All heavy atoms as atom14 arrays in JSON, in Angstrom:
{
  "sequence": "VSIAVTPVTPSIVLGTDQAFVATGTYTDSTVQDLTTSVTWSSSAPAV",
  "atom14_mask": [
    [1, 1, 1, 1, 1, 1, 1, 0, 0, 0, 0, 0, 0, 0],
    [1, 1, 1, 1, 1, 1, 0, 0, 0, 0, 0, 0, 0, 0],
    [1, 1, 1, 1, 1, 1, 1, 1, 0, 0, 0, 0, 0, 0],
    [1, 1, 1, 1, 1, 0, 0, 0, 0, 0, 0, 0, 0, 0],
    [1, 1, 1, 1, 1, 1, 1, 0, 0, 0, 0, 0, 0, 0],
    [1, 1, 1, 1, 1, 1, 1, 0, 0, 0, 0, 0, 0, 0],
    [1, 1, 1, 1, 1, 1, 1, 0, 0, 0, 0, 0, 0, 0],
    [1, 1, 1, 1, 1, 1, 1, 0, 0, 0, 0, 0, 0, 0],
    [1, 1, 1, 1, 1, 1, 1, 0, 0, 0, 0, 0, 0, 0],
    [1, 1, 1, 1, 1, 1, 1, 0, 0, 0, 0, 0, 0, 0],
    [1, 1, 1, 1, 1, 1, 0, 0, 0, 0, 0, 0, 0, 0],
    [1, 1, 1, 1, 1, 1, 1, 1, 0, 0, 0, 0, 0, 0],
    [1, 1, 1, 1, 1, 1, 1, 0, 0, 0, 0, 0, 0, 0],
    [1, 1, 1, 1, 1, 1, 1, 1, 0, 0, 0, 0, 0, 0],
    [1, 1, 1, 1, 0, 0, 0, 0, 0, 0, 0, 0, 0, 0],
    [1, 1, 1, 1, 1, 1, 1, 0, 0, 0, 0, 0, 0, 0],
    [1, 1, 1, 1, 1, 1, 1, 1, 0, 0, 0, 0, 0, 0],
    [1, 1, 1, 1, 1, 1, 1, 1, 1, 0, 0, 0, 0, 0],
    [1, 1, 1, 1, 1, 0, 0, 0, 0, 0, 0, 0, 0, 0],
    [1, 1, 1, 1, 1, 1, 1, 1, 1, 1, 1, 0, 0, 0],
    [1, 1, 1, 1, 1, 1, 1, 0, 0, 0, 0, 0, 0, 0],
    [1, 1, 1, 1, 1, 0, 0, 0, 0, 0, 0, 0, 0, 0],
    [1, 1, 1, 1, 1, 1, 1, 0, 0, 0, 0, 0, 0, 0],
    [1, 1, 1, 1, 0, 0, 0, 0, 0, 0, 0, 0, 0, 0],
    [1, 1, 1, 1, 1, 1, 1, 0, 0, 0, 0, 0, 0, 0],
    [1, 1, 1, 1, 1, 1, 1, 1, 1, 1, 1, 1, 0, 0],
    [1, 1, 1, 1, 1, 1, 1, 0, 0, 0, 0, 0, 0, 0],
    [1, 1, 1, 1, 1, 1, 1, 1, 0, 0, 0, 0, 0, 0],
    [1, 1, 1, 1, 1, 1, 0, 0, 0, 0, 0, 0, 0, 0],
    [1, 1, 1, 1, 1, 1, 1, 0, 0, 0, 0, 0, 0, 0],
    [1, 1, 1, 1, 1, 1, 1, 0, 0, 0, 0, 0, 0, 0],
    [1, 1, 1, 1, 1, 1, 1, 1, 1, 0, 0, 0, 0, 0],
    [1, 1, 1, 1, 1, 1, 1, 1, 0, 0, 0, 0, 0, 0],
    [1, 1, 1, 1, 1, 1, 1, 1, 0, 0, 0, 0, 0, 0],
    [1, 1, 1, 1, 1, 1, 1, 0, 0, 0, 0, 0, 0, 0],
    [1, 1, 1, 1, 1, 1, 1, 0, 0, 0, 0, 0, 0, 0],
    [1, 1, 1, 1, 1, 1, 0, 0, 0, 0, 0, 0, 0, 0],
    [1, 1, 1, 1, 1, 1, 1, 0, 0, 0, 0, 0, 0, 0],
    [1, 1, 1, 1, 1, 1, 1, 0, 0, 0, 0, 0, 0, 0],
    [1, 1, 1, 1, 1, 1, 1, 1, 1, 1, 1, 1, 1, 1],
    [1, 1, 1, 1, 1, 1, 0, 0, 0, 0, 0, 0, 0, 0],
    [1, 1, 1, 1, 1, 1, 0, 0, 0, 0, 0, 0, 0, 0],
    [1, 1, 1, 1, 1, 1, 0, 0, 0, 0, 0, 0, 0, 0],
    [1, 1, 1, 1, 1, 0, 0, 0, 0, 0, 0, 0, 0, 0],
    [1, 1, 1, 1, 1, 1, 1, 0, 0, 0, 0, 0, 0, 0],
    [1, 1, 1, 1, 1, 0, 0, 0, 0, 0, 0, 0, 0, 0],
    [1, 1, 1, 1, 1, 1, 1, 0, 0, 0, 0, 0, 0, 0]
  ],
  "atom14_positions": [
    [[-1.14, 25.89, -25.79], [-1.67, 27.07, -25.11], [-1.88, 26.8, -23.62], [-1.53, 27.61, -22.77], [-3.01, 27.5, -25.73], [-3.65, 28.64, -24.93], [-2.82, 27.91, -27.18], [0.0, 0.0, 0.0], [0.0, 0.0, 0.0], [0.0, 0.0, 0.0], [0.0, 0.0, 0.0], [0.0, 0.0, 0.0], [0.0, 0.0, 0.0], [0.0, 0.0, 0.0]],
    [[-2.46, 25.63, -23.3], [-2.76, 25.32, -21.91], [-2.8, 23.82, -21.69], [-2.91, 23.03, -22.66], [-4.11, 25.93, -21.49], [-5.15, 25.36, -22.27], [0.0, 0.0, 0.0], [0.0, 0.0, 0.0], [0.0, 0.0, 0.0], [0.0, 0.0, 0.0], [0.0, 0.0, 0.0], [0.0, 0.0, 0.0], [0.0, 0.0, 0.0], [0.0, 0.0, 0.0]],
    [[-2.7, 23.42, -20.42], [-2.79, 22.01, -20.05], [-3.86, 21.87, -18.98], [-3.86, 22.6, -17.98], [-1.44, 21.47, -19.51], [-0.37, 21.47, -20.62], [-1.6, 20.06, -18.93], [1.0, 21.06, -20.14], [0.0, 0.0, 0.0], [0.0, 0.0, 0.0], [0.0, 0.0, 0.0], [0.0, 0.0, 0.0], [0.0, 0.0, 0.0], [0.0, 0.0, 0.0]],
    [[-4.77, 20.93, -19.19], [-5.81, 20.63, -18.2], [-5.51, 19.27, -17.59], [-5.21, 18.3, -18.29], [-7.19, 20.61, -18.85], [0.0, 0.0, 0.0], [0.0, 0.0, 0.0], [0.0, 0.0, 0.0], [0.0, 0.0, 0.0], [0.0, 0.0, 0.0], [0.0, 0.0, 0.0], [0.0, 0.0, 0.0], [0.0, 0.0, 0.0], [0.0, 0.0, 0.0]],
    [[-5.57, 19.21, -16.25], [-5.32, 17.96, -15.54], [-6.66, 17.45, -15.0], [-7.4, 18.19, -14.33], [-4.31, 18.17, -14.38], [-4.14, 16.87, -13.58], [-2.97, 18.63, -14.93], [0.0, 0.0, 0.0], [0.0, 0.0, 0.0], [0.0, 0.0, 0.0], [0.0, 0.0, 0.0], [0.0, 0.0, 0.0], [0.0, 0.0, 0.0], [0.0, 0.0, 0.0]],
    [[-6.98, 16.2, -15.29], [-8.22, 15.58, -14.82], [-7.91, 14.25, -14.16], [-6.88, 13.66, -14.45], [-9.19, 15.34, -16.0], [-8.52, 14.62, -17.04], [-9.72, 16.65, -16.55], [0.0, 0.0, 0.0], [0.0, 0.0, 0.0], [0.0, 0.0, 0.0], [0.0, 0.0, 0.0], [0.0, 0.0, 0.0], [0.0, 0.0, 0.0], [0.0, 0.0, 0.0]],
    [[-8.8, 13.75, -13.24], [-10.11, 14.3, -12.88], [-10.0, 15.56, -12.02], [-8.91, 15.88, -11.52], [-10.76, 13.15, -12.1], [-9.61, 12.43, -11.5], [-8.53, 12.48, -12.54], [0.0, 0.0, 0.0], [0.0, 0.0, 0.0], [0.0, 0.0, 0.0], [0.0, 0.0, 0.0], [0.0, 0.0, 0.0], [0.0, 0.0, 0.0], [0.0, 0.0, 0.0]],
    [[-11.12, 16.24, -11.84], [-11.14, 17.51, -11.1], [-11.23, 17.24, -9.6], [-12.12, 16.53, -9.15], [-12.32, 18.38, -11.57], [-12.38, 19.68, -10.77], [-12.21, 18.67, -13.06], [0.0, 0.0, 0.0], [0.0, 0.0, 0.0], [0.0, 0.0, 0.0], [0.0, 0.0, 0.0], [0.0, 0.0, 0.0], [0.0, 0.0, 0.0], [0.0, 0.0, 0.0]],
    [[-10.29, 17.81, -8.85], [-10.21, 17.72, -7.38], [-10.65, 16.35, -6.84], [-11.62, 16.27, -6.08], [-11.02, 18.84, -6.7], [-12.38, 18.78, -7.16], [-10.45, 20.21, -7.05], [0.0, 0.0, 0.0], [0.0, 0.0, 0.0], [0.0, 0.0, 0.0], [0.0, 0.0, 0.0], [0.0, 0.0, 0.0], [0.0, 0.0, 0.0], [0.0, 0.0, 0.0]],
    [[-9.96, 15.29, -7.21], [-10.35, 13.95, -6.73], [-10.0, 13.77, -5.25], [-9.15, 14.47, -4.69], [-9.52, 13.02, -7.61], [-8.3, 13.82, -7.91], [-8.77, 15.25, -8.06], [0.0, 0.0, 0.0], [0.0, 0.0, 0.0], [0.0, 0.0, 0.0], [0.0, 0.0, 0.0], [0.0, 0.0, 0.0], [0.0, 0.0, 0.0], [0.0, 0.0, 0.0]],
    [[-10.66, 12.79, -4.62], [-10.39, 12.42, -3.24], [-10.24, 10.91, -3.18], [-11.09, 10.17, -3.7], [-11.53, 12.88, -2.33], [-11.3, 12.49, -0.99], [0.0, 0.0, 0.0], [0.0, 0.0, 0.0], [0.0, 0.0, 0.0], [0.0, 0.0, 0.0], [0.0, 0.0, 0.0], [0.0, 0.0, 0.0], [0.0, 0.0, 0.0], [0.0, 0.0, 0.0]],
    [[-9.14, 10.45, -2.6], [-8.89, 9.01, -2.49], [-8.58, 8.66, -1.05], [-8.17, 9.53, -0.26], [-7.73, 8.55, -3.4], [-6.42, 9.26, -3.02], [-8.07, 8.77, -4.86], [-5.21, 8.76, -3.8], [0.0, 0.0, 0.0], [0.0, 0.0, 0.0], [0.0, 0.0, 0.0], [0.0, 0.0, 0.0], [0.0, 0.0, 0.0], [0.0, 0.0, 0.0]],
    [[-8.77, 7.4, -0.69], [-8.46, 6.96, 0.67], [-7.01, 6.51, 0.74], [-6.43, 6.07, -0.25], [-9.4, 5.83, 1.14], [-10.83, 6.32, 1.22], [-9.29, 4.62, 0.23], [0.0, 0.0, 0.0], [0.0, 0.0, 0.0], [0.0, 0.0, 0.0], [0.0, 0.0, 0.0], [0.0, 0.0, 0.0], [0.0, 0.0, 0.0], [0.0, 0.0, 0.0]],
    [[-6.43, 6.66, 1.91], [-5.05, 6.27, 2.13], [-4.85, 4.8, 1.75], [-5.63, 3.94, 2.13], [-4.68, 6.49, 3.6], [-3.24, 6.18, 4.0], [-2.25, 7.04, 3.23], [-3.06, 6.38, 5.5], [0.0, 0.0, 0.0], [0.0, 0.0, 0.0], [0.0, 0.0, 0.0], [0.0, 0.0, 0.0], [0.0, 0.0, 0.0], [0.0, 0.0, 0.0]],
    [[-3.8, 4.56, 0.96], [-3.51, 3.2, 0.51], [-3.95, 2.92, -0.9], [-3.67, 1.85, -1.43], [0.0, 0.0, 0.0], [0.0, 0.0, 0.0], [0.0, 0.0, 0.0], [0.0, 0.0, 0.0], [0.0, 0.0, 0.0], [0.0, 0.0, 0.0], [0.0, 0.0, 0.0], [0.0, 0.0, 0.0], [0.0, 0.0, 0.0], [0.0, 0.0, 0.0]],
    [[-4.62, 3.9, -1.52], [-5.08, 3.72, -2.9], [-4.36, 4.71, -3.82], [-3.65, 5.6, -3.36], [-6.6, 3.92, -3.03], [-6.94, 5.25, -2.62], [-7.34, 2.93, -2.15], [0.0, 0.0, 0.0], [0.0, 0.0, 0.0], [0.0, 0.0, 0.0], [0.0, 0.0, 0.0], [0.0, 0.0, 0.0], [0.0, 0.0, 0.0], [0.0, 0.0, 0.0]],
    [[-4.53, 4.53, -5.13], [-3.88, 5.36, -6.14], [-4.92, 6.15, -6.93], [-6.11, 5.83, -6.91], [-3.07, 4.5, -7.11], [-1.94, 3.74, -6.42], [-1.49, 4.2, -5.35], [-1.53, 2.7, -6.95], [0.0, 0.0, 0.0], [0.0, 0.0, 0.0], [0.0, 0.0, 0.0], [0.0, 0.0, 0.0], [0.0, 0.0, 0.0], [0.0, 0.0, 0.0]],
    [[-4.43, 7.17, -7.65], [-5.29, 7.97, -8.53], [-4.53, 8.26, -9.82], [-3.44, 8.84, -9.78], [-5.69, 9.28, -7.86], [-6.46, 10.23, -8.76], [-7.82, 9.67, -9.16], [-8.66, 9.38, -8.3], [-8.06, 9.51, -10.45], [0.0, 0.0, 0.0], [0.0, 0.0, 0.0], [0.0, 0.0, 0.0], [0.0, 0.0, 0.0], [0.0, 0.0, 0.0]],
    [[-5.09, 7.84, -10.95], [-4.47, 8.12, -12.26], [-4.96, 9.47, -12.77], [-6.16, 9.74, -12.79], [-4.83, 7.02, -13.25], [0.0, 0.0, 0.0], [0.0, 0.0, 0.0], [0.0, 0.0, 0.0], [0.0, 0.0, 0.0], [0.0, 0.0, 0.0], [0.0, 0.0, 0.0], [0.0, 0.0, 0.0], [0.0, 0.0, 0.0], [0.0, 0.0, 0.0]],
    [[-4.02, 10.33, -13.17], [-4.34, 11.63, -13.74], [-4.05, 11.63, -15.24], [-3.19, 10.88, -15.72], [-3.51, 12.73, -13.07], [-3.97, 13.07, -11.68], [-3.41, 12.45, -10.57], [-4.96, 14.01, -11.47], [-3.83, 12.75, -9.29], [-5.4, 14.32, -10.19], [-4.83, 13.69, -9.1], [0.0, 0.0, 0.0], [0.0, 0.0, 0.0], [0.0, 0.0, 0.0]],
    [[-4.76, 12.5, -15.97], [-4.57, 12.67, -17.41], [-4.29, 14.14, -17.68], [-4.96, 15.02, -17.14], [-5.82, 12.22, -18.19], [-5.67, 12.54, -19.68], [-6.08, 10.73, -17.99], [0.0, 0.0, 0.0], [0.0, 0.0, 0.0], [0.0, 0.0, 0.0], [0.0, 0.0, 0.0], [0.0, 0.0, 0.0], [0.0, 0.0, 0.0], [0.0, 0.0, 0.0]],
    [[-3.27, 14.41, -18.51], [-2.94, 15.78, -18.91], [-3.36, 15.96, -20.37], [-2.91, 15.22, -21.25], [-1.45, 16.04, -18.76], [0.0, 0.0, 0.0], [0.0, 0.0, 0.0], [0.0, 0.0, 0.0], [0.0, 0.0, 0.0], [0.0, 0.0, 0.0], [0.0, 0.0, 0.0], [0.0, 0.0, 0.0], [0.0, 0.0, 0.0], [0.0, 0.0, 0.0]],
    [[-4.23, 16.94, -20.6], [-4.74, 17.21, -21.95], [-4.3, 18.61, -22.38], [-4.62, 19.59, -21.7], [-6.26, 17.1, -22.0], [-6.66, 15.81, -21.54], [-6.77, 17.31, -23.42], [0.0, 0.0, 0.0], [0.0, 0.0, 0.0], [0.0, 0.0, 0.0], [0.0, 0.0, 0.0], [0.0, 0.0, 0.0], [0.0, 0.0, 0.0], [0.0, 0.0, 0.0]],
    [[-3.57, 18.68, -23.5], [-3.08, 19.96, -24.0], [-4.01, 20.55, -25.03], [-4.52, 19.82, -25.9], [0.0, 0.0, 0.0], [0.0, 0.0, 0.0], [0.0, 0.0, 0.0], [0.0, 0.0, 0.0], [0.0, 0.0, 0.0], [0.0, 0.0, 0.0], [0.0, 0.0, 0.0], [0.0, 0.0, 0.0], [0.0, 0.0, 0.0], [0.0, 0.0, 0.0]],
    [[-4.26, 21.86, -24.95], [-5.03, 22.58, -25.95], [-4.08, 23.47, -26.74], [-3.24, 24.16, -26.15], [-6.12, 23.45, -25.31], [-7.02, 22.59, -24.58], [-6.9, 24.23, -26.35], [0.0, 0.0, 0.0], [0.0, 0.0, 0.0], [0.0, 0.0, 0.0], [0.0, 0.0, 0.0], [0.0, 0.0, 0.0], [0.0, 0.0, 0.0], [0.0, 0.0, 0.0]],
    [[-4.19, 23.43, -28.07], [-3.25, 24.12, -28.95], [-3.88, 25.34, -29.61], [-5.1, 25.55, -29.54], [-2.71, 23.15, -30.02], [-1.76, 22.14, -29.42], [-2.22, 21.04, -28.7], [-0.38, 22.31, -29.55], [-1.35, 20.13, -28.12], [0.5, 21.41, -28.98], [0.01, 20.33, -28.27], [0.88, 19.44, -27.69], [0.0, 0.0, 0.0], [0.0, 0.0, 0.0]],
    [[-3.03, 26.14, -30.24], [-3.49, 27.39, -30.87], [-4.52, 27.16, -31.97], [-5.28, 28.07, -32.3], [-2.29, 28.16, -31.46], [-1.51, 27.27, -32.28], [-1.41, 28.73, -30.36], [0.0, 0.0, 0.0], [0.0, 0.0, 0.0], [0.0, 0.0, 0.0], [0.0, 0.0, 0.0], [0.0, 0.0, 0.0], [0.0, 0.0, 0.0], [0.0, 0.0, 0.0]],
    [[-4.54, 25.97, -32.56], [-5.54, 25.69, -33.6], [-6.78, 25.01, -33.03], [-7.56, 24.42, -33.77], [-4.93, 24.84, -34.71], [-4.42, 23.49, -34.2], [-4.4, 23.3, -32.96], [-4.04, 22.64, -35.02], [0.0, 0.0, 0.0], [0.0, 0.0, 0.0], [0.0, 0.0, 0.0], [0.0, 0.0, 0.0], [0.0, 0.0, 0.0], [0.0, 0.0, 0.0]],
    [[-6.92, 25.08, -31.7], [-8.08, 24.53, -30.97], [-8.1, 23.01, -30.91], [-9.08, 22.43, -30.42], [-9.41, 25.04, -31.56], [-9.48, 26.45, -31.46], [0.0, 0.0, 0.0], [0.0, 0.0, 0.0], [0.0, 0.0, 0.0], [0.0, 0.0, 0.0], [0.0, 0.0, 0.0], [0.0, 0.0, 0.0], [0.0, 0.0, 0.0], [0.0, 0.0, 0.0]],
    [[-7.06, 22.36, -31.39], [-6.99, 20.92, -31.25], [-6.55, 20.58, -29.83], [-5.96, 21.41, -29.13], [-6.02, 20.29, -32.26], [-4.71, 20.85, -32.06], [-6.48, 20.54, -33.69], [0.0, 0.0, 0.0], [0.0, 0.0, 0.0], [0.0, 0.0, 0.0], [0.0, 0.0, 0.0], [0.0, 0.0, 0.0], [0.0, 0.0, 0.0], [0.0, 0.0, 0.0]],
    [[-6.85, 19.35, -29.4], [-6.42, 18.88, -28.09], [-5.6, 17.6, -28.27], [-5.78, 16.87, -29.25], [-7.61, 18.62, -27.15], [-8.33, 19.92, -26.82], [-8.58, 17.62, -27.76], [0.0, 0.0, 0.0], [0.0, 0.0, 0.0], [0.0, 0.0, 0.0], [0.0, 0.0, 0.0], [0.0, 0.0, 0.0], [0.0, 0.0, 0.0], [0.0, 0.0, 0.0]],
    [[-4.73, 17.35, -27.31], [-3.85, 16.19, -27.39], [-3.58, 15.65, -25.99], [-3.42, 16.43, -25.04], [-2.54, 16.59, -28.08], [-1.62, 15.42, -28.38], [-0.38, 15.86, -29.14], [-0.4, 16.9, -29.81], [0.68, 15.1, -29.05], [0.0, 0.0, 0.0], [0.0, 0.0, 0.0], [0.0, 0.0, 0.0], [0.0, 0.0, 0.0], [0.0, 0.0, 0.0]],
    [[-3.55, 14.33, -25.87], [-3.22, 13.69, -24.59], [-1.71, 13.78, -24.37], [-0.92, 13.2, -25.11], [-3.67, 12.22, -24.62], [-3.52, 11.55, -23.26], [-2.77, 12.06, -22.41], [-4.14, 10.49, -23.06], [0.0, 0.0, 0.0], [0.0, 0.0, 0.0], [0.0, 0.0, 0.0], [0.0, 0.0, 0.0], [0.0, 0.0, 0.0], [0.0, 0.0, 0.0]],
    [[-1.32, 14.52, -23.34], [0.1, 14.75, -23.04], [0.55, 13.99, -21.8], [1.64, 14.24, -21.28], [0.36, 16.25, -22.84], [-0.04, 17.18, -23.99], [0.26, 18.63, -23.6], [0.69, 16.8, -25.27], [0.0, 0.0, 0.0], [0.0, 0.0, 0.0], [0.0, 0.0, 0.0], [0.0, 0.0, 0.0], [0.0, 0.0, 0.0], [0.0, 0.0, 0.0]],
    [[-0.27, 13.05, -21.34], [0.01, 12.36, -20.07], [1.4, 11.76, -20.02], [2.09, 11.85, -18.98], [-1.04, 11.24, -19.84], [-2.35, 11.81, -19.89], [-0.82, 10.57, -18.5], [0.0, 0.0, 0.0], [0.0, 0.0, 0.0], [0.0, 0.0, 0.0], [0.0, 0.0, 0.0], [0.0, 0.0, 0.0], [0.0, 0.0, 0.0], [0.0, 0.0, 0.0]],
    [[1.85, 11.18, -21.12], [3.16, 10.5, -21.11], [4.32, 11.41, -21.48], [5.47, 10.99, -21.38], [3.14, 9.3, -22.07], [2.86, 9.75, -23.4], [2.07, 8.29, -21.66], [0.0, 0.0, 0.0], [0.0, 0.0, 0.0], [0.0, 0.0, 0.0], [0.0, 0.0, 0.0], [0.0, 0.0, 0.0], [0.0, 0.0, 0.0], [0.0, 0.0, 0.0]],
    [[4.05, 12.65, -21.89], [5.14, 13.53, -22.31], [5.4, 14.69, -21.34], [6.44, 15.34, -21.43], [4.86, 14.09, -23.71], [3.67, 14.85, -23.72], [0.0, 0.0, 0.0], [0.0, 0.0, 0.0], [0.0, 0.0, 0.0], [0.0, 0.0, 0.0], [0.0, 0.0, 0.0], [0.0, 0.0, 0.0], [0.0, 0.0, 0.0], [0.0, 0.0, 0.0]],
    [[4.47, 14.97, -20.44], [4.68, 16.04, -19.47], [5.51, 15.53, -18.3], [5.74, 14.32, -18.15], [3.35, 16.6, -18.93], [2.56, 17.28, -20.04], [2.52, 15.49, -18.28], [0.0, 0.0, 0.0], [0.0, 0.0, 0.0], [0.0, 0.0, 0.0], [0.0, 0.0, 0.0], [0.0, 0.0, 0.0], [0.0, 0.0, 0.0], [0.0, 0.0, 0.0]],
    [[5.97, 16.45, -17.48], [6.67, 16.1, -16.24], [5.7, 16.28, -15.09], [5.15, 17.35, -14.89], [7.9, 17.0, -16.03], [8.79, 16.84, -17.13], [8.62, 16.63, -14.74], [0.0, 0.0, 0.0], [0.0, 0.0, 0.0], [0.0, 0.0, 0.0], [0.0, 0.0, 0.0], [0.0, 0.0, 0.0], [0.0, 0.0, 0.0], [0.0, 0.0, 0.0]],
    [[5.48, 15.2, -14.32], [4.53, 15.22, -13.22], [5.24, 15.54, -11.9], [6.37, 15.09, -11.68], [3.83, 13.88, -13.09], [2.91, 13.56, -14.24], [3.2, 12.83, -15.36], [1.55, 13.97, -14.39], [2.11, 12.76, -16.19], [1.08, 13.44, -15.62], [0.68, 14.71, -13.6], [-0.22, 13.66, -16.07], [-0.61, 14.93, -14.04], [-1.05, 14.4, -15.27]],
    [[4.57, 16.3, -11.04], [5.14, 16.61, -9.73], [4.03, 16.75, -8.7], [2.87, 17.02, -9.04], [5.98, 17.88, -9.78], [5.18, 18.99, -10.17], [0.0, 0.0, 0.0], [0.0, 0.0, 0.0], [0.0, 0.0, 0.0], [0.0, 0.0, 0.0], [0.0, 0.0, 0.0], [0.0, 0.0, 0.0], [0.0, 0.0, 0.0], [0.0, 0.0, 0.0]],
    [[4.39, 16.56, -7.43], [3.46, 16.7, -6.31], [4.0, 17.77, -5.38], [5.19, 17.75, -5.02], [3.3, 15.37, -5.57], [2.6, 15.54, -4.35], [0.0, 0.0, 0.0], [0.0, 0.0, 0.0], [0.0, 0.0, 0.0], [0.0, 0.0, 0.0], [0.0, 0.0, 0.0], [0.0, 0.0, 0.0], [0.0, 0.0, 0.0], [0.0, 0.0, 0.0]],
    [[3.14, 18.69, -4.97], [3.59, 19.76, -4.08], [3.85, 19.26, -2.67], [4.6, 19.88, -1.91], [2.53, 20.88, -4.03], [1.33, 20.4, -3.44], [0.0, 0.0, 0.0], [0.0, 0.0, 0.0], [0.0, 0.0, 0.0], [0.0, 0.0, 0.0], [0.0, 0.0, 0.0], [0.0, 0.0, 0.0], [0.0, 0.0, 0.0], [0.0, 0.0, 0.0]],
    [[3.26, 18.12, -2.3], [3.45, 17.55, -0.96], [3.68, 16.04, -1.09], [2.74, 15.25, -0.92], [2.25, 17.84, -0.08], [0.0, 0.0, 0.0], [0.0, 0.0, 0.0], [0.0, 0.0, 0.0], [0.0, 0.0, 0.0], [0.0, 0.0, 0.0], [0.0, 0.0, 0.0], [0.0, 0.0, 0.0], [0.0, 0.0, 0.0], [0.0, 0.0, 0.0]],
    [[4.92, 15.63, -1.39], [5.21, 14.19, -1.54], [4.92, 13.38, -0.28], [4.77, 12.16, -0.36], [6.7, 14.17, -1.88], [6.99, 15.54, -2.42], [6.09, 16.46, -1.66], [0.0, 0.0, 0.0], [0.0, 0.0, 0.0], [0.0, 0.0, 0.0], [0.0, 0.0, 0.0], [0.0, 0.0, 0.0], [0.0, 0.0, 0.0], [0.0, 0.0, 0.0]],
    [[4.85, 14.04, 0.88], [4.53, 13.33, 2.11], [3.06, 12.93, 2.16], [2.67, 12.08, 2.96], [4.87, 14.19, 3.32], [0.0, 0.0, 0.0], [0.0, 0.0, 0.0], [0.0, 0.0, 0.0], [0.0, 0.0, 0.0], [0.0, 0.0, 0.0], [0.0, 0.0, 0.0], [0.0, 0.0, 0.0], [0.0, 0.0, 0.0], [0.0, 0.0, 0.0]],
    [[2.24, 13.56, 1.32], [0.82, 13.21, 1.21], [0.59, 12.24, 0.06], [-0.1, 11.23, 0.21], [-0.04, 14.48, 1.01], [-1.5, 14.12, 0.73], [0.05, 15.37, 2.24], [0.0, 0.0, 0.0], [0.0, 0.0, 0.0], [0.0, 0.0, 0.0], [0.0, 0.0, 0.0], [0.0, 0.0, 0.0], [0.0, 0.0, 0.0], [0.0, 0.0, 0.0]]
  ]
}
C-alpha cells in the first residue's frame, strides 16, 4: 500500500553517510523491511 522511508528529515555533515530504511505497509496491515528490494534514488546527486 505504501512505503515509509526513515529516519525522518535527517541532517548530516559533509563527508559523512546516512543509512536509510524502507518499510512497506501491506493491505493486511503487516509491515516489511524493503530496504534491499526497492530502487533507491537521489533527486540531487550533486548533494
